[in-house]
Amino acid sequence: MNAGANGGETKDVLVEATGVTRRGEKVTFSNADMKFVYRNSGVEEGVIFTSALFRGRIADPEFIRARMSEVQQHRETAQPIREKTGGSTFKNPPGHSAWKLVDAAGMRGHRVGGAQVSEMHCNFLINTGSASGHDIEMLGETVRAKVKASSGIELHWEIKRIGLPQS
């Protein structure tokens, strides 16, 4: 994963990361080994990361506190951070914002069971309190289909889903 927000990504600050493969082997990757791309690394599927070393940037502590406050205030007004979500649901396709595509497809507020597309930010799926994993999966797939039908653009999940779809 190459998580990102506010103009930065994991690749910008990661020095190295250590993990365990499915075979139980301990592996360490340098930043260069990771071969980062948008929202992804080149690390084989199934590695579970157990530790990481990050390099921060030196700055005035007051500036850092002010910037953190500014970011938090923006999130309060732009994202459903007080709701139960998995975070940003779909990757932004090149040249597009996923939330705008979801909104243009008429999916703002759409529900499947206890899952709902956020009214505040359309790239967040909310568990309204009773959503099952199946509800979230079905809502996400419905959103993907509607966006494809309305724009011709295929959205890809940003959330890492684990397990088998419920039949």
N, C-alpha and C. Protein backbone atom coordinates (compact mmCIF):
# COMPACT_ATOMS: atom_id res chain seq x y z
N MET A 1 0.84 -1.18 0.00
CA MET A 1 0.00 0.00 0.00
C MET A 1 0.89 1.24 0.00
N ASN A 2 0.44 2.27 -0.62
CA ASN A 2 1.13 3.55 -0.63
C ASN A 2 0.10 4.61 -0.28
N ALA A 3 -0.30 4.59 0.99
CA ALA A 3 -1.33 5.51 1.45
C ALA A 3 -0.88 6.95 1.24
N GLY A 4 -1.85 7.82 1.03
CA GLY A 4 -1.51 9.21 0.82
C GLY A 4 -2.62 10.15 1.22
N ALA A 5 -2.24 11.37 1.56
CA ALA A 5 -3.19 12.42 1.90
C ALA A 5 -2.44 13.75 1.94
N ASN A 6 -3.16 14.81 1.63
CA ASN A 6 -2.62 16.17 1.75
C ASN A 6 -1.31 16.36 1.00
N GLY A 7 -1.21 15.77 -0.16
CA GLY A 7 -0.05 15.97 -1.00
C GLY A 7 1.15 15.10 -0.70
N GLY A 8 1.03 14.19 0.25
CA GLY A 8 2.15 13.31 0.58
C GLY A 8 1.72 11.85 0.52
N GLU A 9 2.70 10.97 0.40
CA GLU A 9 2.43 9.54 0.36
C GLU A 9 3.44 8.82 1.24
N THR A 10 3.15 7.56 1.55
CA THR A 10 4.06 6.75 2.36
C THR A 10 5.45 6.76 1.75
N LYS A 11 5.54 6.64 0.44
CA LYS A 11 6.84 6.57 -0.25
C LYS A 11 7.72 7.79 0.05
N ASP A 12 7.11 8.90 0.42
CA ASP A 12 7.86 10.13 0.67
C ASP A 12 8.63 10.11 1.98
N VAL A 13 8.23 9.25 2.91
CA VAL A 13 8.83 9.26 4.25
C VAL A 13 9.34 7.90 4.71
N LEU A 14 9.02 6.82 3.98
CA LEU A 14 9.45 5.49 4.39
C LEU A 14 10.93 5.28 4.09
N VAL A 15 11.67 4.78 5.08
CA VAL A 15 13.06 4.40 4.89
C VAL A 15 13.11 2.91 4.56
N GLU A 16 12.49 2.09 5.43
CA GLU A 16 12.41 0.65 5.18
C GLU A 16 11.25 0.05 5.96
N ALA A 17 10.83 -1.13 5.54
CA ALA A 17 9.74 -1.83 6.21
C ALA A 17 10.08 -3.31 6.30
N THR A 18 9.68 -3.92 7.42
CA THR A 18 9.93 -5.34 7.66
C THR A 18 8.59 -6.05 7.77
N GLY A 19 8.55 -7.25 7.22
CA GLY A 19 7.31 -8.02 7.27
C GLY A 19 7.57 -9.51 7.27
N VAL A 20 6.48 -10.26 7.19
CA VAL A 20 6.53 -11.72 7.18
C VAL A 20 5.76 -12.20 5.95
N THR A 21 6.36 -13.14 5.20
CA THR A 21 5.68 -13.70 4.03
C THR A 21 4.72 -14.80 4.48
N ARG A 22 3.91 -15.27 3.54
CA ARG A 22 2.99 -16.37 3.83
C ARG A 22 3.74 -17.64 4.21
N ARG A 23 5.00 -17.73 3.82
CA ARG A 23 5.82 -18.90 4.15
C ARG A 23 6.50 -18.74 5.51
N GLY A 24 6.24 -17.61 6.19
CA GLY A 24 6.81 -17.38 7.51
C GLY A 24 8.20 -16.78 7.50
N GLU A 25 8.66 -16.32 6.36
CA GLU A 25 9.99 -15.73 6.26
C GLU A 25 9.94 -14.25 6.57
N LYS A 26 10.94 -13.79 7.35
CA LYS A 26 11.07 -12.36 7.64
C LYS A 26 11.75 -11.70 6.45
N VAL A 27 11.17 -10.60 5.98
CA VAL A 27 11.73 -9.87 4.84
C VAL A 27 11.78 -8.38 5.16
N THR A 28 12.82 -7.72 4.66
CA THR A 28 12.96 -6.28 4.84
C THR A 28 13.13 -5.64 3.46
N PHE A 29 12.39 -4.56 3.25
CA PHE A 29 12.42 -3.85 1.98
C PHE A 29 12.85 -2.41 2.22
N SER A 30 13.80 -1.93 1.41
CA SER A 30 14.14 -0.51 1.44
C SER A 30 13.06 0.24 0.67
N ASN A 31 13.08 1.54 0.75
CA ASN A 31 12.13 2.35 -0.01
C ASN A 31 12.24 2.01 -1.50
N ALA A 32 13.46 1.92 -2.01
CA ALA A 32 13.66 1.63 -3.43
C ALA A 32 13.14 0.24 -3.80
N ASP A 33 13.30 -0.73 -2.88
CA ASP A 33 12.81 -2.09 -3.13
C ASP A 33 11.29 -2.13 -3.31
N MET A 34 10.60 -1.18 -2.69
CA MET A 34 9.14 -1.20 -2.68
C MET A 34 8.54 -0.87 -4.05
N LYS A 35 9.27 -0.17 -4.91
CA LYS A 35 8.77 0.19 -6.25
C LYS A 35 7.36 0.78 -6.18
N PHE A 36 7.23 1.81 -5.38
CA PHE A 36 5.94 2.45 -5.15
C PHE A 36 5.33 3.03 -6.42
N VAL A 37 4.00 2.89 -6.53
CA VAL A 37 3.19 3.57 -7.53
C VAL A 37 1.96 4.08 -6.79
N TYR A 38 1.06 4.73 -7.49
CA TYR A 38 -0.13 5.29 -6.85
C TYR A 38 -0.88 4.23 -6.04
N ARG A 39 -0.96 4.43 -4.76
CA ARG A 39 -1.71 3.58 -3.82
C ARG A 39 -1.28 2.11 -3.82
N ASN A 40 -0.02 1.86 -4.17
CA ASN A 40 0.43 0.48 -4.20
C ASN A 40 1.95 0.43 -4.12
N SER A 41 2.44 -0.73 -3.68
CA SER A 41 3.87 -1.00 -3.72
C SER A 41 4.08 -2.26 -4.55
N GLY A 42 5.31 -2.51 -4.92
CA GLY A 42 5.61 -3.69 -5.72
C GLY A 42 5.82 -4.94 -4.89
N VAL A 43 5.51 -4.87 -3.61
CA VAL A 43 5.72 -6.01 -2.73
C VAL A 43 4.69 -7.10 -3.04
N GLU A 44 5.15 -8.35 -3.02
CA GLU A 44 4.26 -9.47 -3.34
C GLU A 44 3.04 -9.50 -2.42
N GLU A 45 1.93 -9.97 -2.99
CA GLU A 45 0.68 -10.10 -2.25
C GLU A 45 0.89 -11.04 -1.07
N GLY A 46 0.36 -10.71 0.07
CA GLY A 46 0.41 -11.60 1.21
C GLY A 46 1.45 -11.26 2.26
N VAL A 47 2.36 -10.33 1.97
CA VAL A 47 3.32 -9.92 3.00
C VAL A 47 2.57 -9.11 4.05
N ILE A 48 2.78 -9.46 5.31
CA ILE A 48 2.18 -8.71 6.41
C ILE A 48 3.29 -7.89 7.04
N PHE A 49 3.17 -6.57 6.99
CA PHE A 49 4.21 -5.71 7.55
C PHE A 49 4.06 -5.62 9.06
N THR A 50 5.19 -5.77 9.74
CA THR A 50 5.21 -5.78 11.20
C THR A 50 5.92 -4.57 11.79
N SER A 51 6.74 -3.89 10.99
CA SER A 51 7.40 -2.68 11.47
C SER A 51 7.87 -1.85 10.28
N ALA A 52 8.08 -0.58 10.55
CA ALA A 52 8.55 0.32 9.50
C ALA A 52 9.35 1.45 10.13
N LEU A 53 10.31 1.95 9.40
CA LEU A 53 11.12 3.08 9.82
C LEU A 53 10.81 4.24 8.88
N PHE A 54 10.43 5.37 9.48
CA PHE A 54 10.08 6.55 8.71
C PHE A 54 11.04 7.68 9.02
N ARG A 55 11.28 8.54 8.04
CA ARG A 55 12.12 9.73 8.22
C ARG A 55 11.21 10.95 8.16
N GLY A 56 11.13 11.65 9.27
CA GLY A 56 10.32 12.87 9.32
C GLY A 56 11.11 14.05 8.78
N ARG A 57 10.44 15.17 8.74
CA ARG A 57 11.10 16.39 8.29
C ARG A 57 11.23 17.34 9.49
N ILE A 58 12.36 17.98 9.57
CA ILE A 58 12.58 18.93 10.65
C ILE A 58 11.82 20.21 10.34
N ALA A 59 11.05 20.67 11.32
CA ALA A 59 10.31 21.92 11.16
C ALA A 59 10.02 22.49 12.54
N ASP A 60 9.65 23.73 12.58
CA ASP A 60 9.31 24.40 13.83
C ASP A 60 8.09 23.70 14.45
N PRO A 61 8.17 23.32 15.73
CA PRO A 61 7.05 22.62 16.37
C PRO A 61 5.72 23.38 16.29
N GLU A 62 5.74 24.69 16.39
CA GLU A 62 4.50 25.47 16.28
C GLU A 62 3.91 25.37 14.88
N PHE A 63 4.77 25.38 13.87
CA PHE A 63 4.30 25.22 12.49
C PHE A 63 3.65 23.85 12.32
N ILE A 64 4.29 22.82 12.87
CA ILE A 64 3.75 21.45 12.77
C ILE A 64 2.39 21.37 13.45
N ARG A 65 2.27 21.92 14.66
CA ARG A 65 0.98 21.90 15.37
C ARG A 65 -0.10 22.64 14.58
N ALA A 66 0.25 23.79 14.03
CA ALA A 66 -0.72 24.57 13.25
C ALA A 66 -1.14 23.81 12.00
N ARG A 67 -0.20 23.17 11.34
CA ARG A 67 -0.52 22.40 10.13
C ARG A 67 -1.41 21.21 10.47
N MET A 68 -1.11 20.52 11.56
CA MET A 68 -1.93 19.39 11.99
C MET A 68 -3.35 19.85 12.30
N SER A 69 -3.49 20.98 12.94
CA SER A 69 -4.81 21.53 13.26
C SER A 69 -5.57 21.90 11.99
N GLU A 70 -4.86 22.50 11.04
CA GLU A 70 -5.47 22.87 9.76
C GLU A 70 -5.99 21.63 9.01
N VAL A 71 -5.19 20.59 8.97
CA VAL A 71 -5.59 19.34 8.29
C VAL A 71 -6.80 18.73 8.99
N GLN A 72 -6.77 18.71 10.33
CA GLN A 72 -7.88 18.14 11.09
C GLN A 72 -9.17 18.93 10.85
N GLN A 73 -9.09 20.25 10.84
CA GLN A 73 -10.27 21.07 10.60
C GLN A 73 -10.84 20.82 9.21
N HIS A 74 -9.96 20.68 8.22
CA HIS A 74 -10.42 20.40 6.86
C HIS A 74 -11.14 19.05 6.81
N ARG A 75 -10.58 18.04 7.45
CA ARG A 75 -11.21 16.72 7.46
C ARG A 75 -12.57 16.76 8.14
N GLU A 76 -12.68 17.53 9.19
CA GLU A 76 -13.96 17.64 9.91
C GLU A 76 -15.07 18.15 8.99
N THR A 77 -14.72 19.05 8.08
CA THR A 77 -15.73 19.65 7.21
C THR A 77 -15.90 18.93 5.88
N ALA A 78 -14.92 18.10 5.49
CA ALA A 78 -14.95 17.50 4.15
C ALA A 78 -15.12 15.98 4.13
N GLN A 79 -14.88 15.32 5.26
CA GLN A 79 -14.94 13.86 5.29
C GLN A 79 -15.77 13.39 6.48
N PRO A 80 -16.42 12.24 6.35
CA PRO A 80 -17.26 11.72 7.44
C PRO A 80 -16.43 11.02 8.51
N ILE A 81 -15.52 11.77 9.17
CA ILE A 81 -14.59 11.14 10.10
C ILE A 81 -15.25 10.67 11.40
N ARG A 82 -16.45 11.11 11.67
CA ARG A 82 -17.16 10.67 12.88
C ARG A 82 -18.03 9.44 12.60
N GLU A 83 -18.03 8.97 11.37
CA GLU A 83 -18.83 7.81 10.97
C GLU A 83 -17.95 6.56 10.93
N LYS A 84 -18.60 5.42 10.85
CA LYS A 84 -17.89 4.14 10.71
C LYS A 84 -17.63 3.91 9.22
N THR A 85 -16.39 4.10 8.79
CA THR A 85 -16.04 3.90 7.39
C THR A 85 -14.72 3.13 7.31
N GLY A 86 -14.40 2.67 6.14
CA GLY A 86 -13.10 2.06 5.88
C GLY A 86 -12.14 3.06 5.26
N GLY A 87 -12.52 4.33 5.28
CA GLY A 87 -11.70 5.37 4.65
C GLY A 87 -12.09 5.53 3.20
N SER A 88 -11.23 6.13 2.45
CA SER A 88 -11.47 6.37 1.03
C SER A 88 -11.68 5.02 0.34
N THR A 89 -12.78 4.87 -0.40
CA THR A 89 -13.19 3.57 -0.92
C THR A 89 -12.57 3.22 -2.26
N PHE A 90 -12.54 4.18 -3.19
CA PHE A 90 -12.06 3.90 -4.54
C PHE A 90 -10.85 4.76 -4.87
N LYS A 91 -9.93 4.19 -5.65
CA LYS A 91 -8.77 4.94 -6.13
C LYS A 91 -9.24 6.00 -7.13
N ASN A 92 -8.56 7.12 -7.16
CA ASN A 92 -8.86 8.15 -8.16
C ASN A 92 -8.32 7.69 -9.51
N PRO A 93 -9.19 7.55 -10.52
CA PRO A 93 -8.69 7.21 -11.86
C PRO A 93 -7.85 8.37 -12.39
N PRO A 94 -6.88 8.10 -13.27
CA PRO A 94 -6.06 9.19 -13.82
C PRO A 94 -6.93 10.31 -14.39
N GLY A 95 -6.67 11.53 -13.90
CA GLY A 95 -7.38 12.70 -14.40
C GLY A 95 -8.76 12.92 -13.82
N HIS A 96 -9.17 12.10 -12.85
CA HIS A 96 -10.52 12.21 -12.28
C HIS A 96 -10.47 12.07 -10.76
N SER A 97 -11.51 12.57 -10.11
CA SER A 97 -11.72 12.35 -8.68
C SER A 97 -12.83 11.31 -8.54
N ALA A 98 -12.54 10.25 -7.81
CA ALA A 98 -13.53 9.18 -7.65
C ALA A 98 -14.85 9.73 -7.10
N TRP A 99 -14.78 10.62 -6.11
CA TRP A 99 -16.01 11.11 -5.48
C TRP A 99 -16.89 11.84 -6.49
N LYS A 100 -16.27 12.58 -7.40
CA LYS A 100 -17.06 13.32 -8.40
C LYS A 100 -17.77 12.36 -9.36
N LEU A 101 -17.10 11.28 -9.72
CA LEU A 101 -17.71 10.27 -10.59
C LEU A 101 -18.88 9.58 -9.89
N VAL A 102 -18.70 9.27 -8.60
CA VAL A 102 -19.76 8.63 -7.81
C VAL A 102 -20.96 9.57 -7.70
N ASP A 103 -20.68 10.83 -7.43
CA ASP A 103 -21.76 11.83 -7.30
C ASP A 103 -22.49 12.01 -8.63
N ALA A 104 -21.73 12.13 -9.72
CA ALA A 104 -22.34 12.32 -11.04
C ALA A 104 -23.19 11.12 -11.46
N ALA A 105 -22.87 9.95 -10.92
CA ALA A 105 -23.65 8.74 -11.22
C ALA A 105 -24.92 8.66 -10.36
N GLY A 106 -25.14 9.68 -9.51
CA GLY A 106 -26.35 9.73 -8.70
C GLY A 106 -26.34 8.82 -7.48
N MET A 107 -25.15 8.50 -6.99
CA MET A 107 -25.06 7.52 -5.90
C MET A 107 -24.95 8.14 -4.51
N ARG A 108 -24.85 9.45 -4.40
CA ARG A 108 -24.77 10.10 -3.08
C ARG A 108 -25.98 9.67 -2.25
N GLY A 109 -25.71 9.13 -1.05
CA GLY A 109 -26.76 8.72 -0.13
C GLY A 109 -27.37 7.35 -0.42
N HIS A 110 -26.98 6.71 -1.52
CA HIS A 110 -27.55 5.40 -1.89
C HIS A 110 -27.23 4.37 -0.80
N ARG A 111 -28.21 3.48 -0.54
CA ARG A 111 -28.06 2.47 0.51
C ARG A 111 -28.22 1.06 -0.02
N VAL A 112 -27.50 0.15 0.61
CA VAL A 112 -27.72 -1.29 0.47
C VAL A 112 -27.66 -1.83 1.89
N GLY A 113 -28.79 -2.33 2.38
CA GLY A 113 -28.83 -2.79 3.77
C GLY A 113 -28.43 -1.67 4.71
N GLY A 114 -27.46 -1.93 5.58
CA GLY A 114 -26.99 -0.93 6.52
C GLY A 114 -25.81 -0.12 6.03
N ALA A 115 -25.48 -0.25 4.75
CA ALA A 115 -24.36 0.50 4.16
C ALA A 115 -24.89 1.65 3.32
N GLN A 116 -24.18 2.78 3.36
CA GLN A 116 -24.63 3.97 2.64
C GLN A 116 -23.45 4.72 2.07
N VAL A 117 -23.64 5.27 0.86
CA VAL A 117 -22.66 6.20 0.30
C VAL A 117 -22.81 7.50 1.09
N SER A 118 -21.72 8.01 1.61
CA SER A 118 -21.76 9.22 2.44
C SER A 118 -22.37 10.40 1.69
N GLU A 119 -23.23 11.12 2.40
CA GLU A 119 -23.79 12.37 1.87
C GLU A 119 -22.72 13.46 1.86
N MET A 120 -21.76 13.38 2.80
CA MET A 120 -20.74 14.40 2.93
C MET A 120 -19.64 14.26 1.87
N HIS A 121 -19.20 13.04 1.63
CA HIS A 121 -18.11 12.78 0.69
C HIS A 121 -18.38 11.43 0.03
N CYS A 122 -18.69 11.47 -1.25
CA CYS A 122 -19.18 10.27 -1.97
C CYS A 122 -18.15 9.16 -2.13
N ASN A 123 -16.90 9.37 -1.76
CA ASN A 123 -15.93 8.28 -1.86
C ASN A 123 -15.76 7.56 -0.53
N PHE A 124 -16.73 7.71 0.35
CA PHE A 124 -16.73 7.00 1.62
C PHE A 124 -18.02 6.20 1.73
N LEU A 125 -17.90 4.92 2.05
CA LEU A 125 -19.06 4.08 2.34
C LEU A 125 -19.18 3.98 3.85
N ILE A 126 -20.38 4.21 4.36
CA ILE A 126 -20.62 4.28 5.80
C ILE A 126 -21.37 3.04 6.27
N ASN A 127 -20.97 2.53 7.42
CA ASN A 127 -21.76 1.51 8.12
C ASN A 127 -22.68 2.30 9.04
N THR A 128 -23.98 2.31 8.73
CA THR A 128 -24.93 3.10 9.51
C THR A 128 -25.26 2.45 10.85
N GLY A 129 -24.65 1.30 11.12
CA GLY A 129 -24.83 0.62 12.40
C GLY A 129 -25.17 -0.84 12.27
N SER A 130 -25.70 -1.23 11.11
CA SER A 130 -26.11 -2.63 10.95
C SER A 130 -25.57 -3.25 9.66
N ALA A 131 -24.61 -2.62 9.02
CA ALA A 131 -24.11 -3.13 7.74
C ALA A 131 -23.26 -4.38 7.95
N SER A 132 -23.47 -5.34 7.07
CA SER A 132 -22.61 -6.52 7.03
C SER A 132 -21.51 -6.26 6.00
N GLY A 133 -20.50 -7.10 5.99
CA GLY A 133 -19.49 -7.01 4.96
C GLY A 133 -20.11 -7.16 3.58
N HIS A 134 -21.12 -8.01 3.50
CA HIS A 134 -21.84 -8.22 2.24
C HIS A 134 -22.53 -6.93 1.78
N ASP A 135 -23.13 -6.19 2.72
CA ASP A 135 -23.78 -4.92 2.37
C ASP A 135 -22.75 -3.94 1.78
N ILE A 136 -21.60 -3.83 2.43
CA ILE A 136 -20.55 -2.92 1.96
C ILE A 136 -20.08 -3.35 0.57
N GLU A 137 -19.83 -4.64 0.42
CA GLU A 137 -19.36 -5.18 -0.86
C GLU A 137 -20.38 -4.91 -1.97
N MET A 138 -21.64 -5.18 -1.70
CA MET A 138 -22.69 -5.00 -2.71
C MET A 138 -22.88 -3.52 -3.05
N LEU A 139 -22.83 -2.65 -2.04
CA LEU A 139 -22.94 -1.22 -2.30
C LEU A 139 -21.77 -0.76 -3.17
N GLY A 140 -20.56 -1.16 -2.81
CA GLY A 140 -19.39 -0.78 -3.59
C GLY A 140 -19.47 -1.25 -5.03
N GLU A 141 -19.93 -2.48 -5.23
CA GLU A 141 -20.04 -3.02 -6.59
C GLU A 141 -21.16 -2.31 -7.37
N THR A 142 -22.23 -1.94 -6.67
CA THR A 142 -23.31 -1.17 -7.31
C THR A 142 -22.78 0.19 -7.76
N VAL A 143 -22.03 0.84 -6.89
CA VAL A 143 -21.43 2.14 -7.22
C VAL A 143 -20.52 1.99 -8.44
N ARG A 144 -19.66 0.98 -8.43
CA ARG A 144 -18.75 0.76 -9.55
C ARG A 144 -19.51 0.59 -10.87
N ALA A 145 -20.59 -0.20 -10.83
CA ALA A 145 -21.39 -0.45 -12.04
C ALA A 145 -22.06 0.83 -12.53
N LYS A 146 -22.61 1.63 -11.60
CA LYS A 146 -23.29 2.87 -11.99
C LYS A 146 -22.30 3.87 -12.58
N VAL A 147 -21.12 3.97 -11.97
CA VAL A 147 -20.09 4.89 -12.50
C VAL A 147 -19.65 4.44 -13.88
N LYS A 148 -19.44 3.15 -14.07
CA LYS A 148 -19.04 2.63 -15.39
C LYS A 148 -20.12 2.93 -16.43
N ALA A 149 -21.39 2.73 -16.05
CA ALA A 149 -22.50 2.97 -16.98
C ALA A 149 -22.64 4.45 -17.33
N SER A 150 -22.41 5.33 -16.36
CA SER A 150 -22.64 6.76 -16.61
C SER A 150 -21.45 7.47 -17.23
N SER A 151 -20.23 6.98 -16.96
CA SER A 151 -19.04 7.71 -17.42
C SER A 151 -18.11 6.88 -18.30
N GLY A 152 -18.29 5.56 -18.27
CA GLY A 152 -17.37 4.69 -19.00
C GLY A 152 -16.08 4.43 -18.26
N ILE A 153 -15.97 4.99 -17.05
CA ILE A 153 -14.74 4.84 -16.26
C ILE A 153 -14.94 3.76 -15.21
N GLU A 154 -13.95 2.88 -15.10
CA GLU A 154 -14.01 1.80 -14.12
C GLU A 154 -13.28 2.22 -12.85
N LEU A 155 -14.00 2.20 -11.73
CA LEU A 155 -13.38 2.49 -10.44
C LEU A 155 -12.76 1.21 -9.89
N HIS A 156 -11.64 1.39 -9.20
CA HIS A 156 -10.97 0.26 -8.54
C HIS A 156 -10.98 0.50 -7.04
N TRP A 157 -11.22 -0.57 -6.30
CA TRP A 157 -11.26 -0.48 -4.84
C TRP A 157 -9.91 0.01 -4.31
N GLU A 158 -9.96 0.96 -3.39
CA GLU A 158 -8.77 1.39 -2.66
C GLU A 158 -8.68 0.62 -1.35
N ILE A 159 -9.82 0.27 -0.80
CA ILE A 159 -9.88 -0.52 0.43
C ILE A 159 -9.40 -1.93 0.13
N LYS A 160 -8.53 -2.43 0.97
CA LYS A 160 -8.05 -3.81 0.82
C LYS A 160 -9.09 -4.73 1.42
N ARG A 161 -9.73 -5.53 0.57
CA ARG A 161 -10.77 -6.45 1.03
C ARG A 161 -10.15 -7.82 1.24
N ILE A 162 -10.53 -8.45 2.34
CA ILE A 162 -9.97 -9.75 2.71
C ILE A 162 -11.11 -10.75 2.81
N GLY A 163 -10.88 -11.95 2.33
CA GLY A 163 -11.90 -12.99 2.44
C GLY A 163 -12.60 -13.20 1.11
N LEU A 164 -13.57 -14.08 1.14
CA LEU A 164 -14.34 -14.42 -0.05
C LEU A 164 -15.67 -13.70 -0.04
N PRO A 165 -16.15 -13.26 -1.20
CA PRO A 165 -17.48 -12.63 -1.24
C PRO A 165 -18.55 -13.60 -0.77
N GLN A 166 -19.54 -13.08 -0.07
CA GLN A 166 -20.65 -13.90 0.39
C GLN A 166 -21.51 -14.26 -0.81
N SER A 167 -21.95 -15.51 -0.89
CA SER A 167 -22.77 -15.90 -2.05
C SER A 167 -24.23 -15.94 -1.69
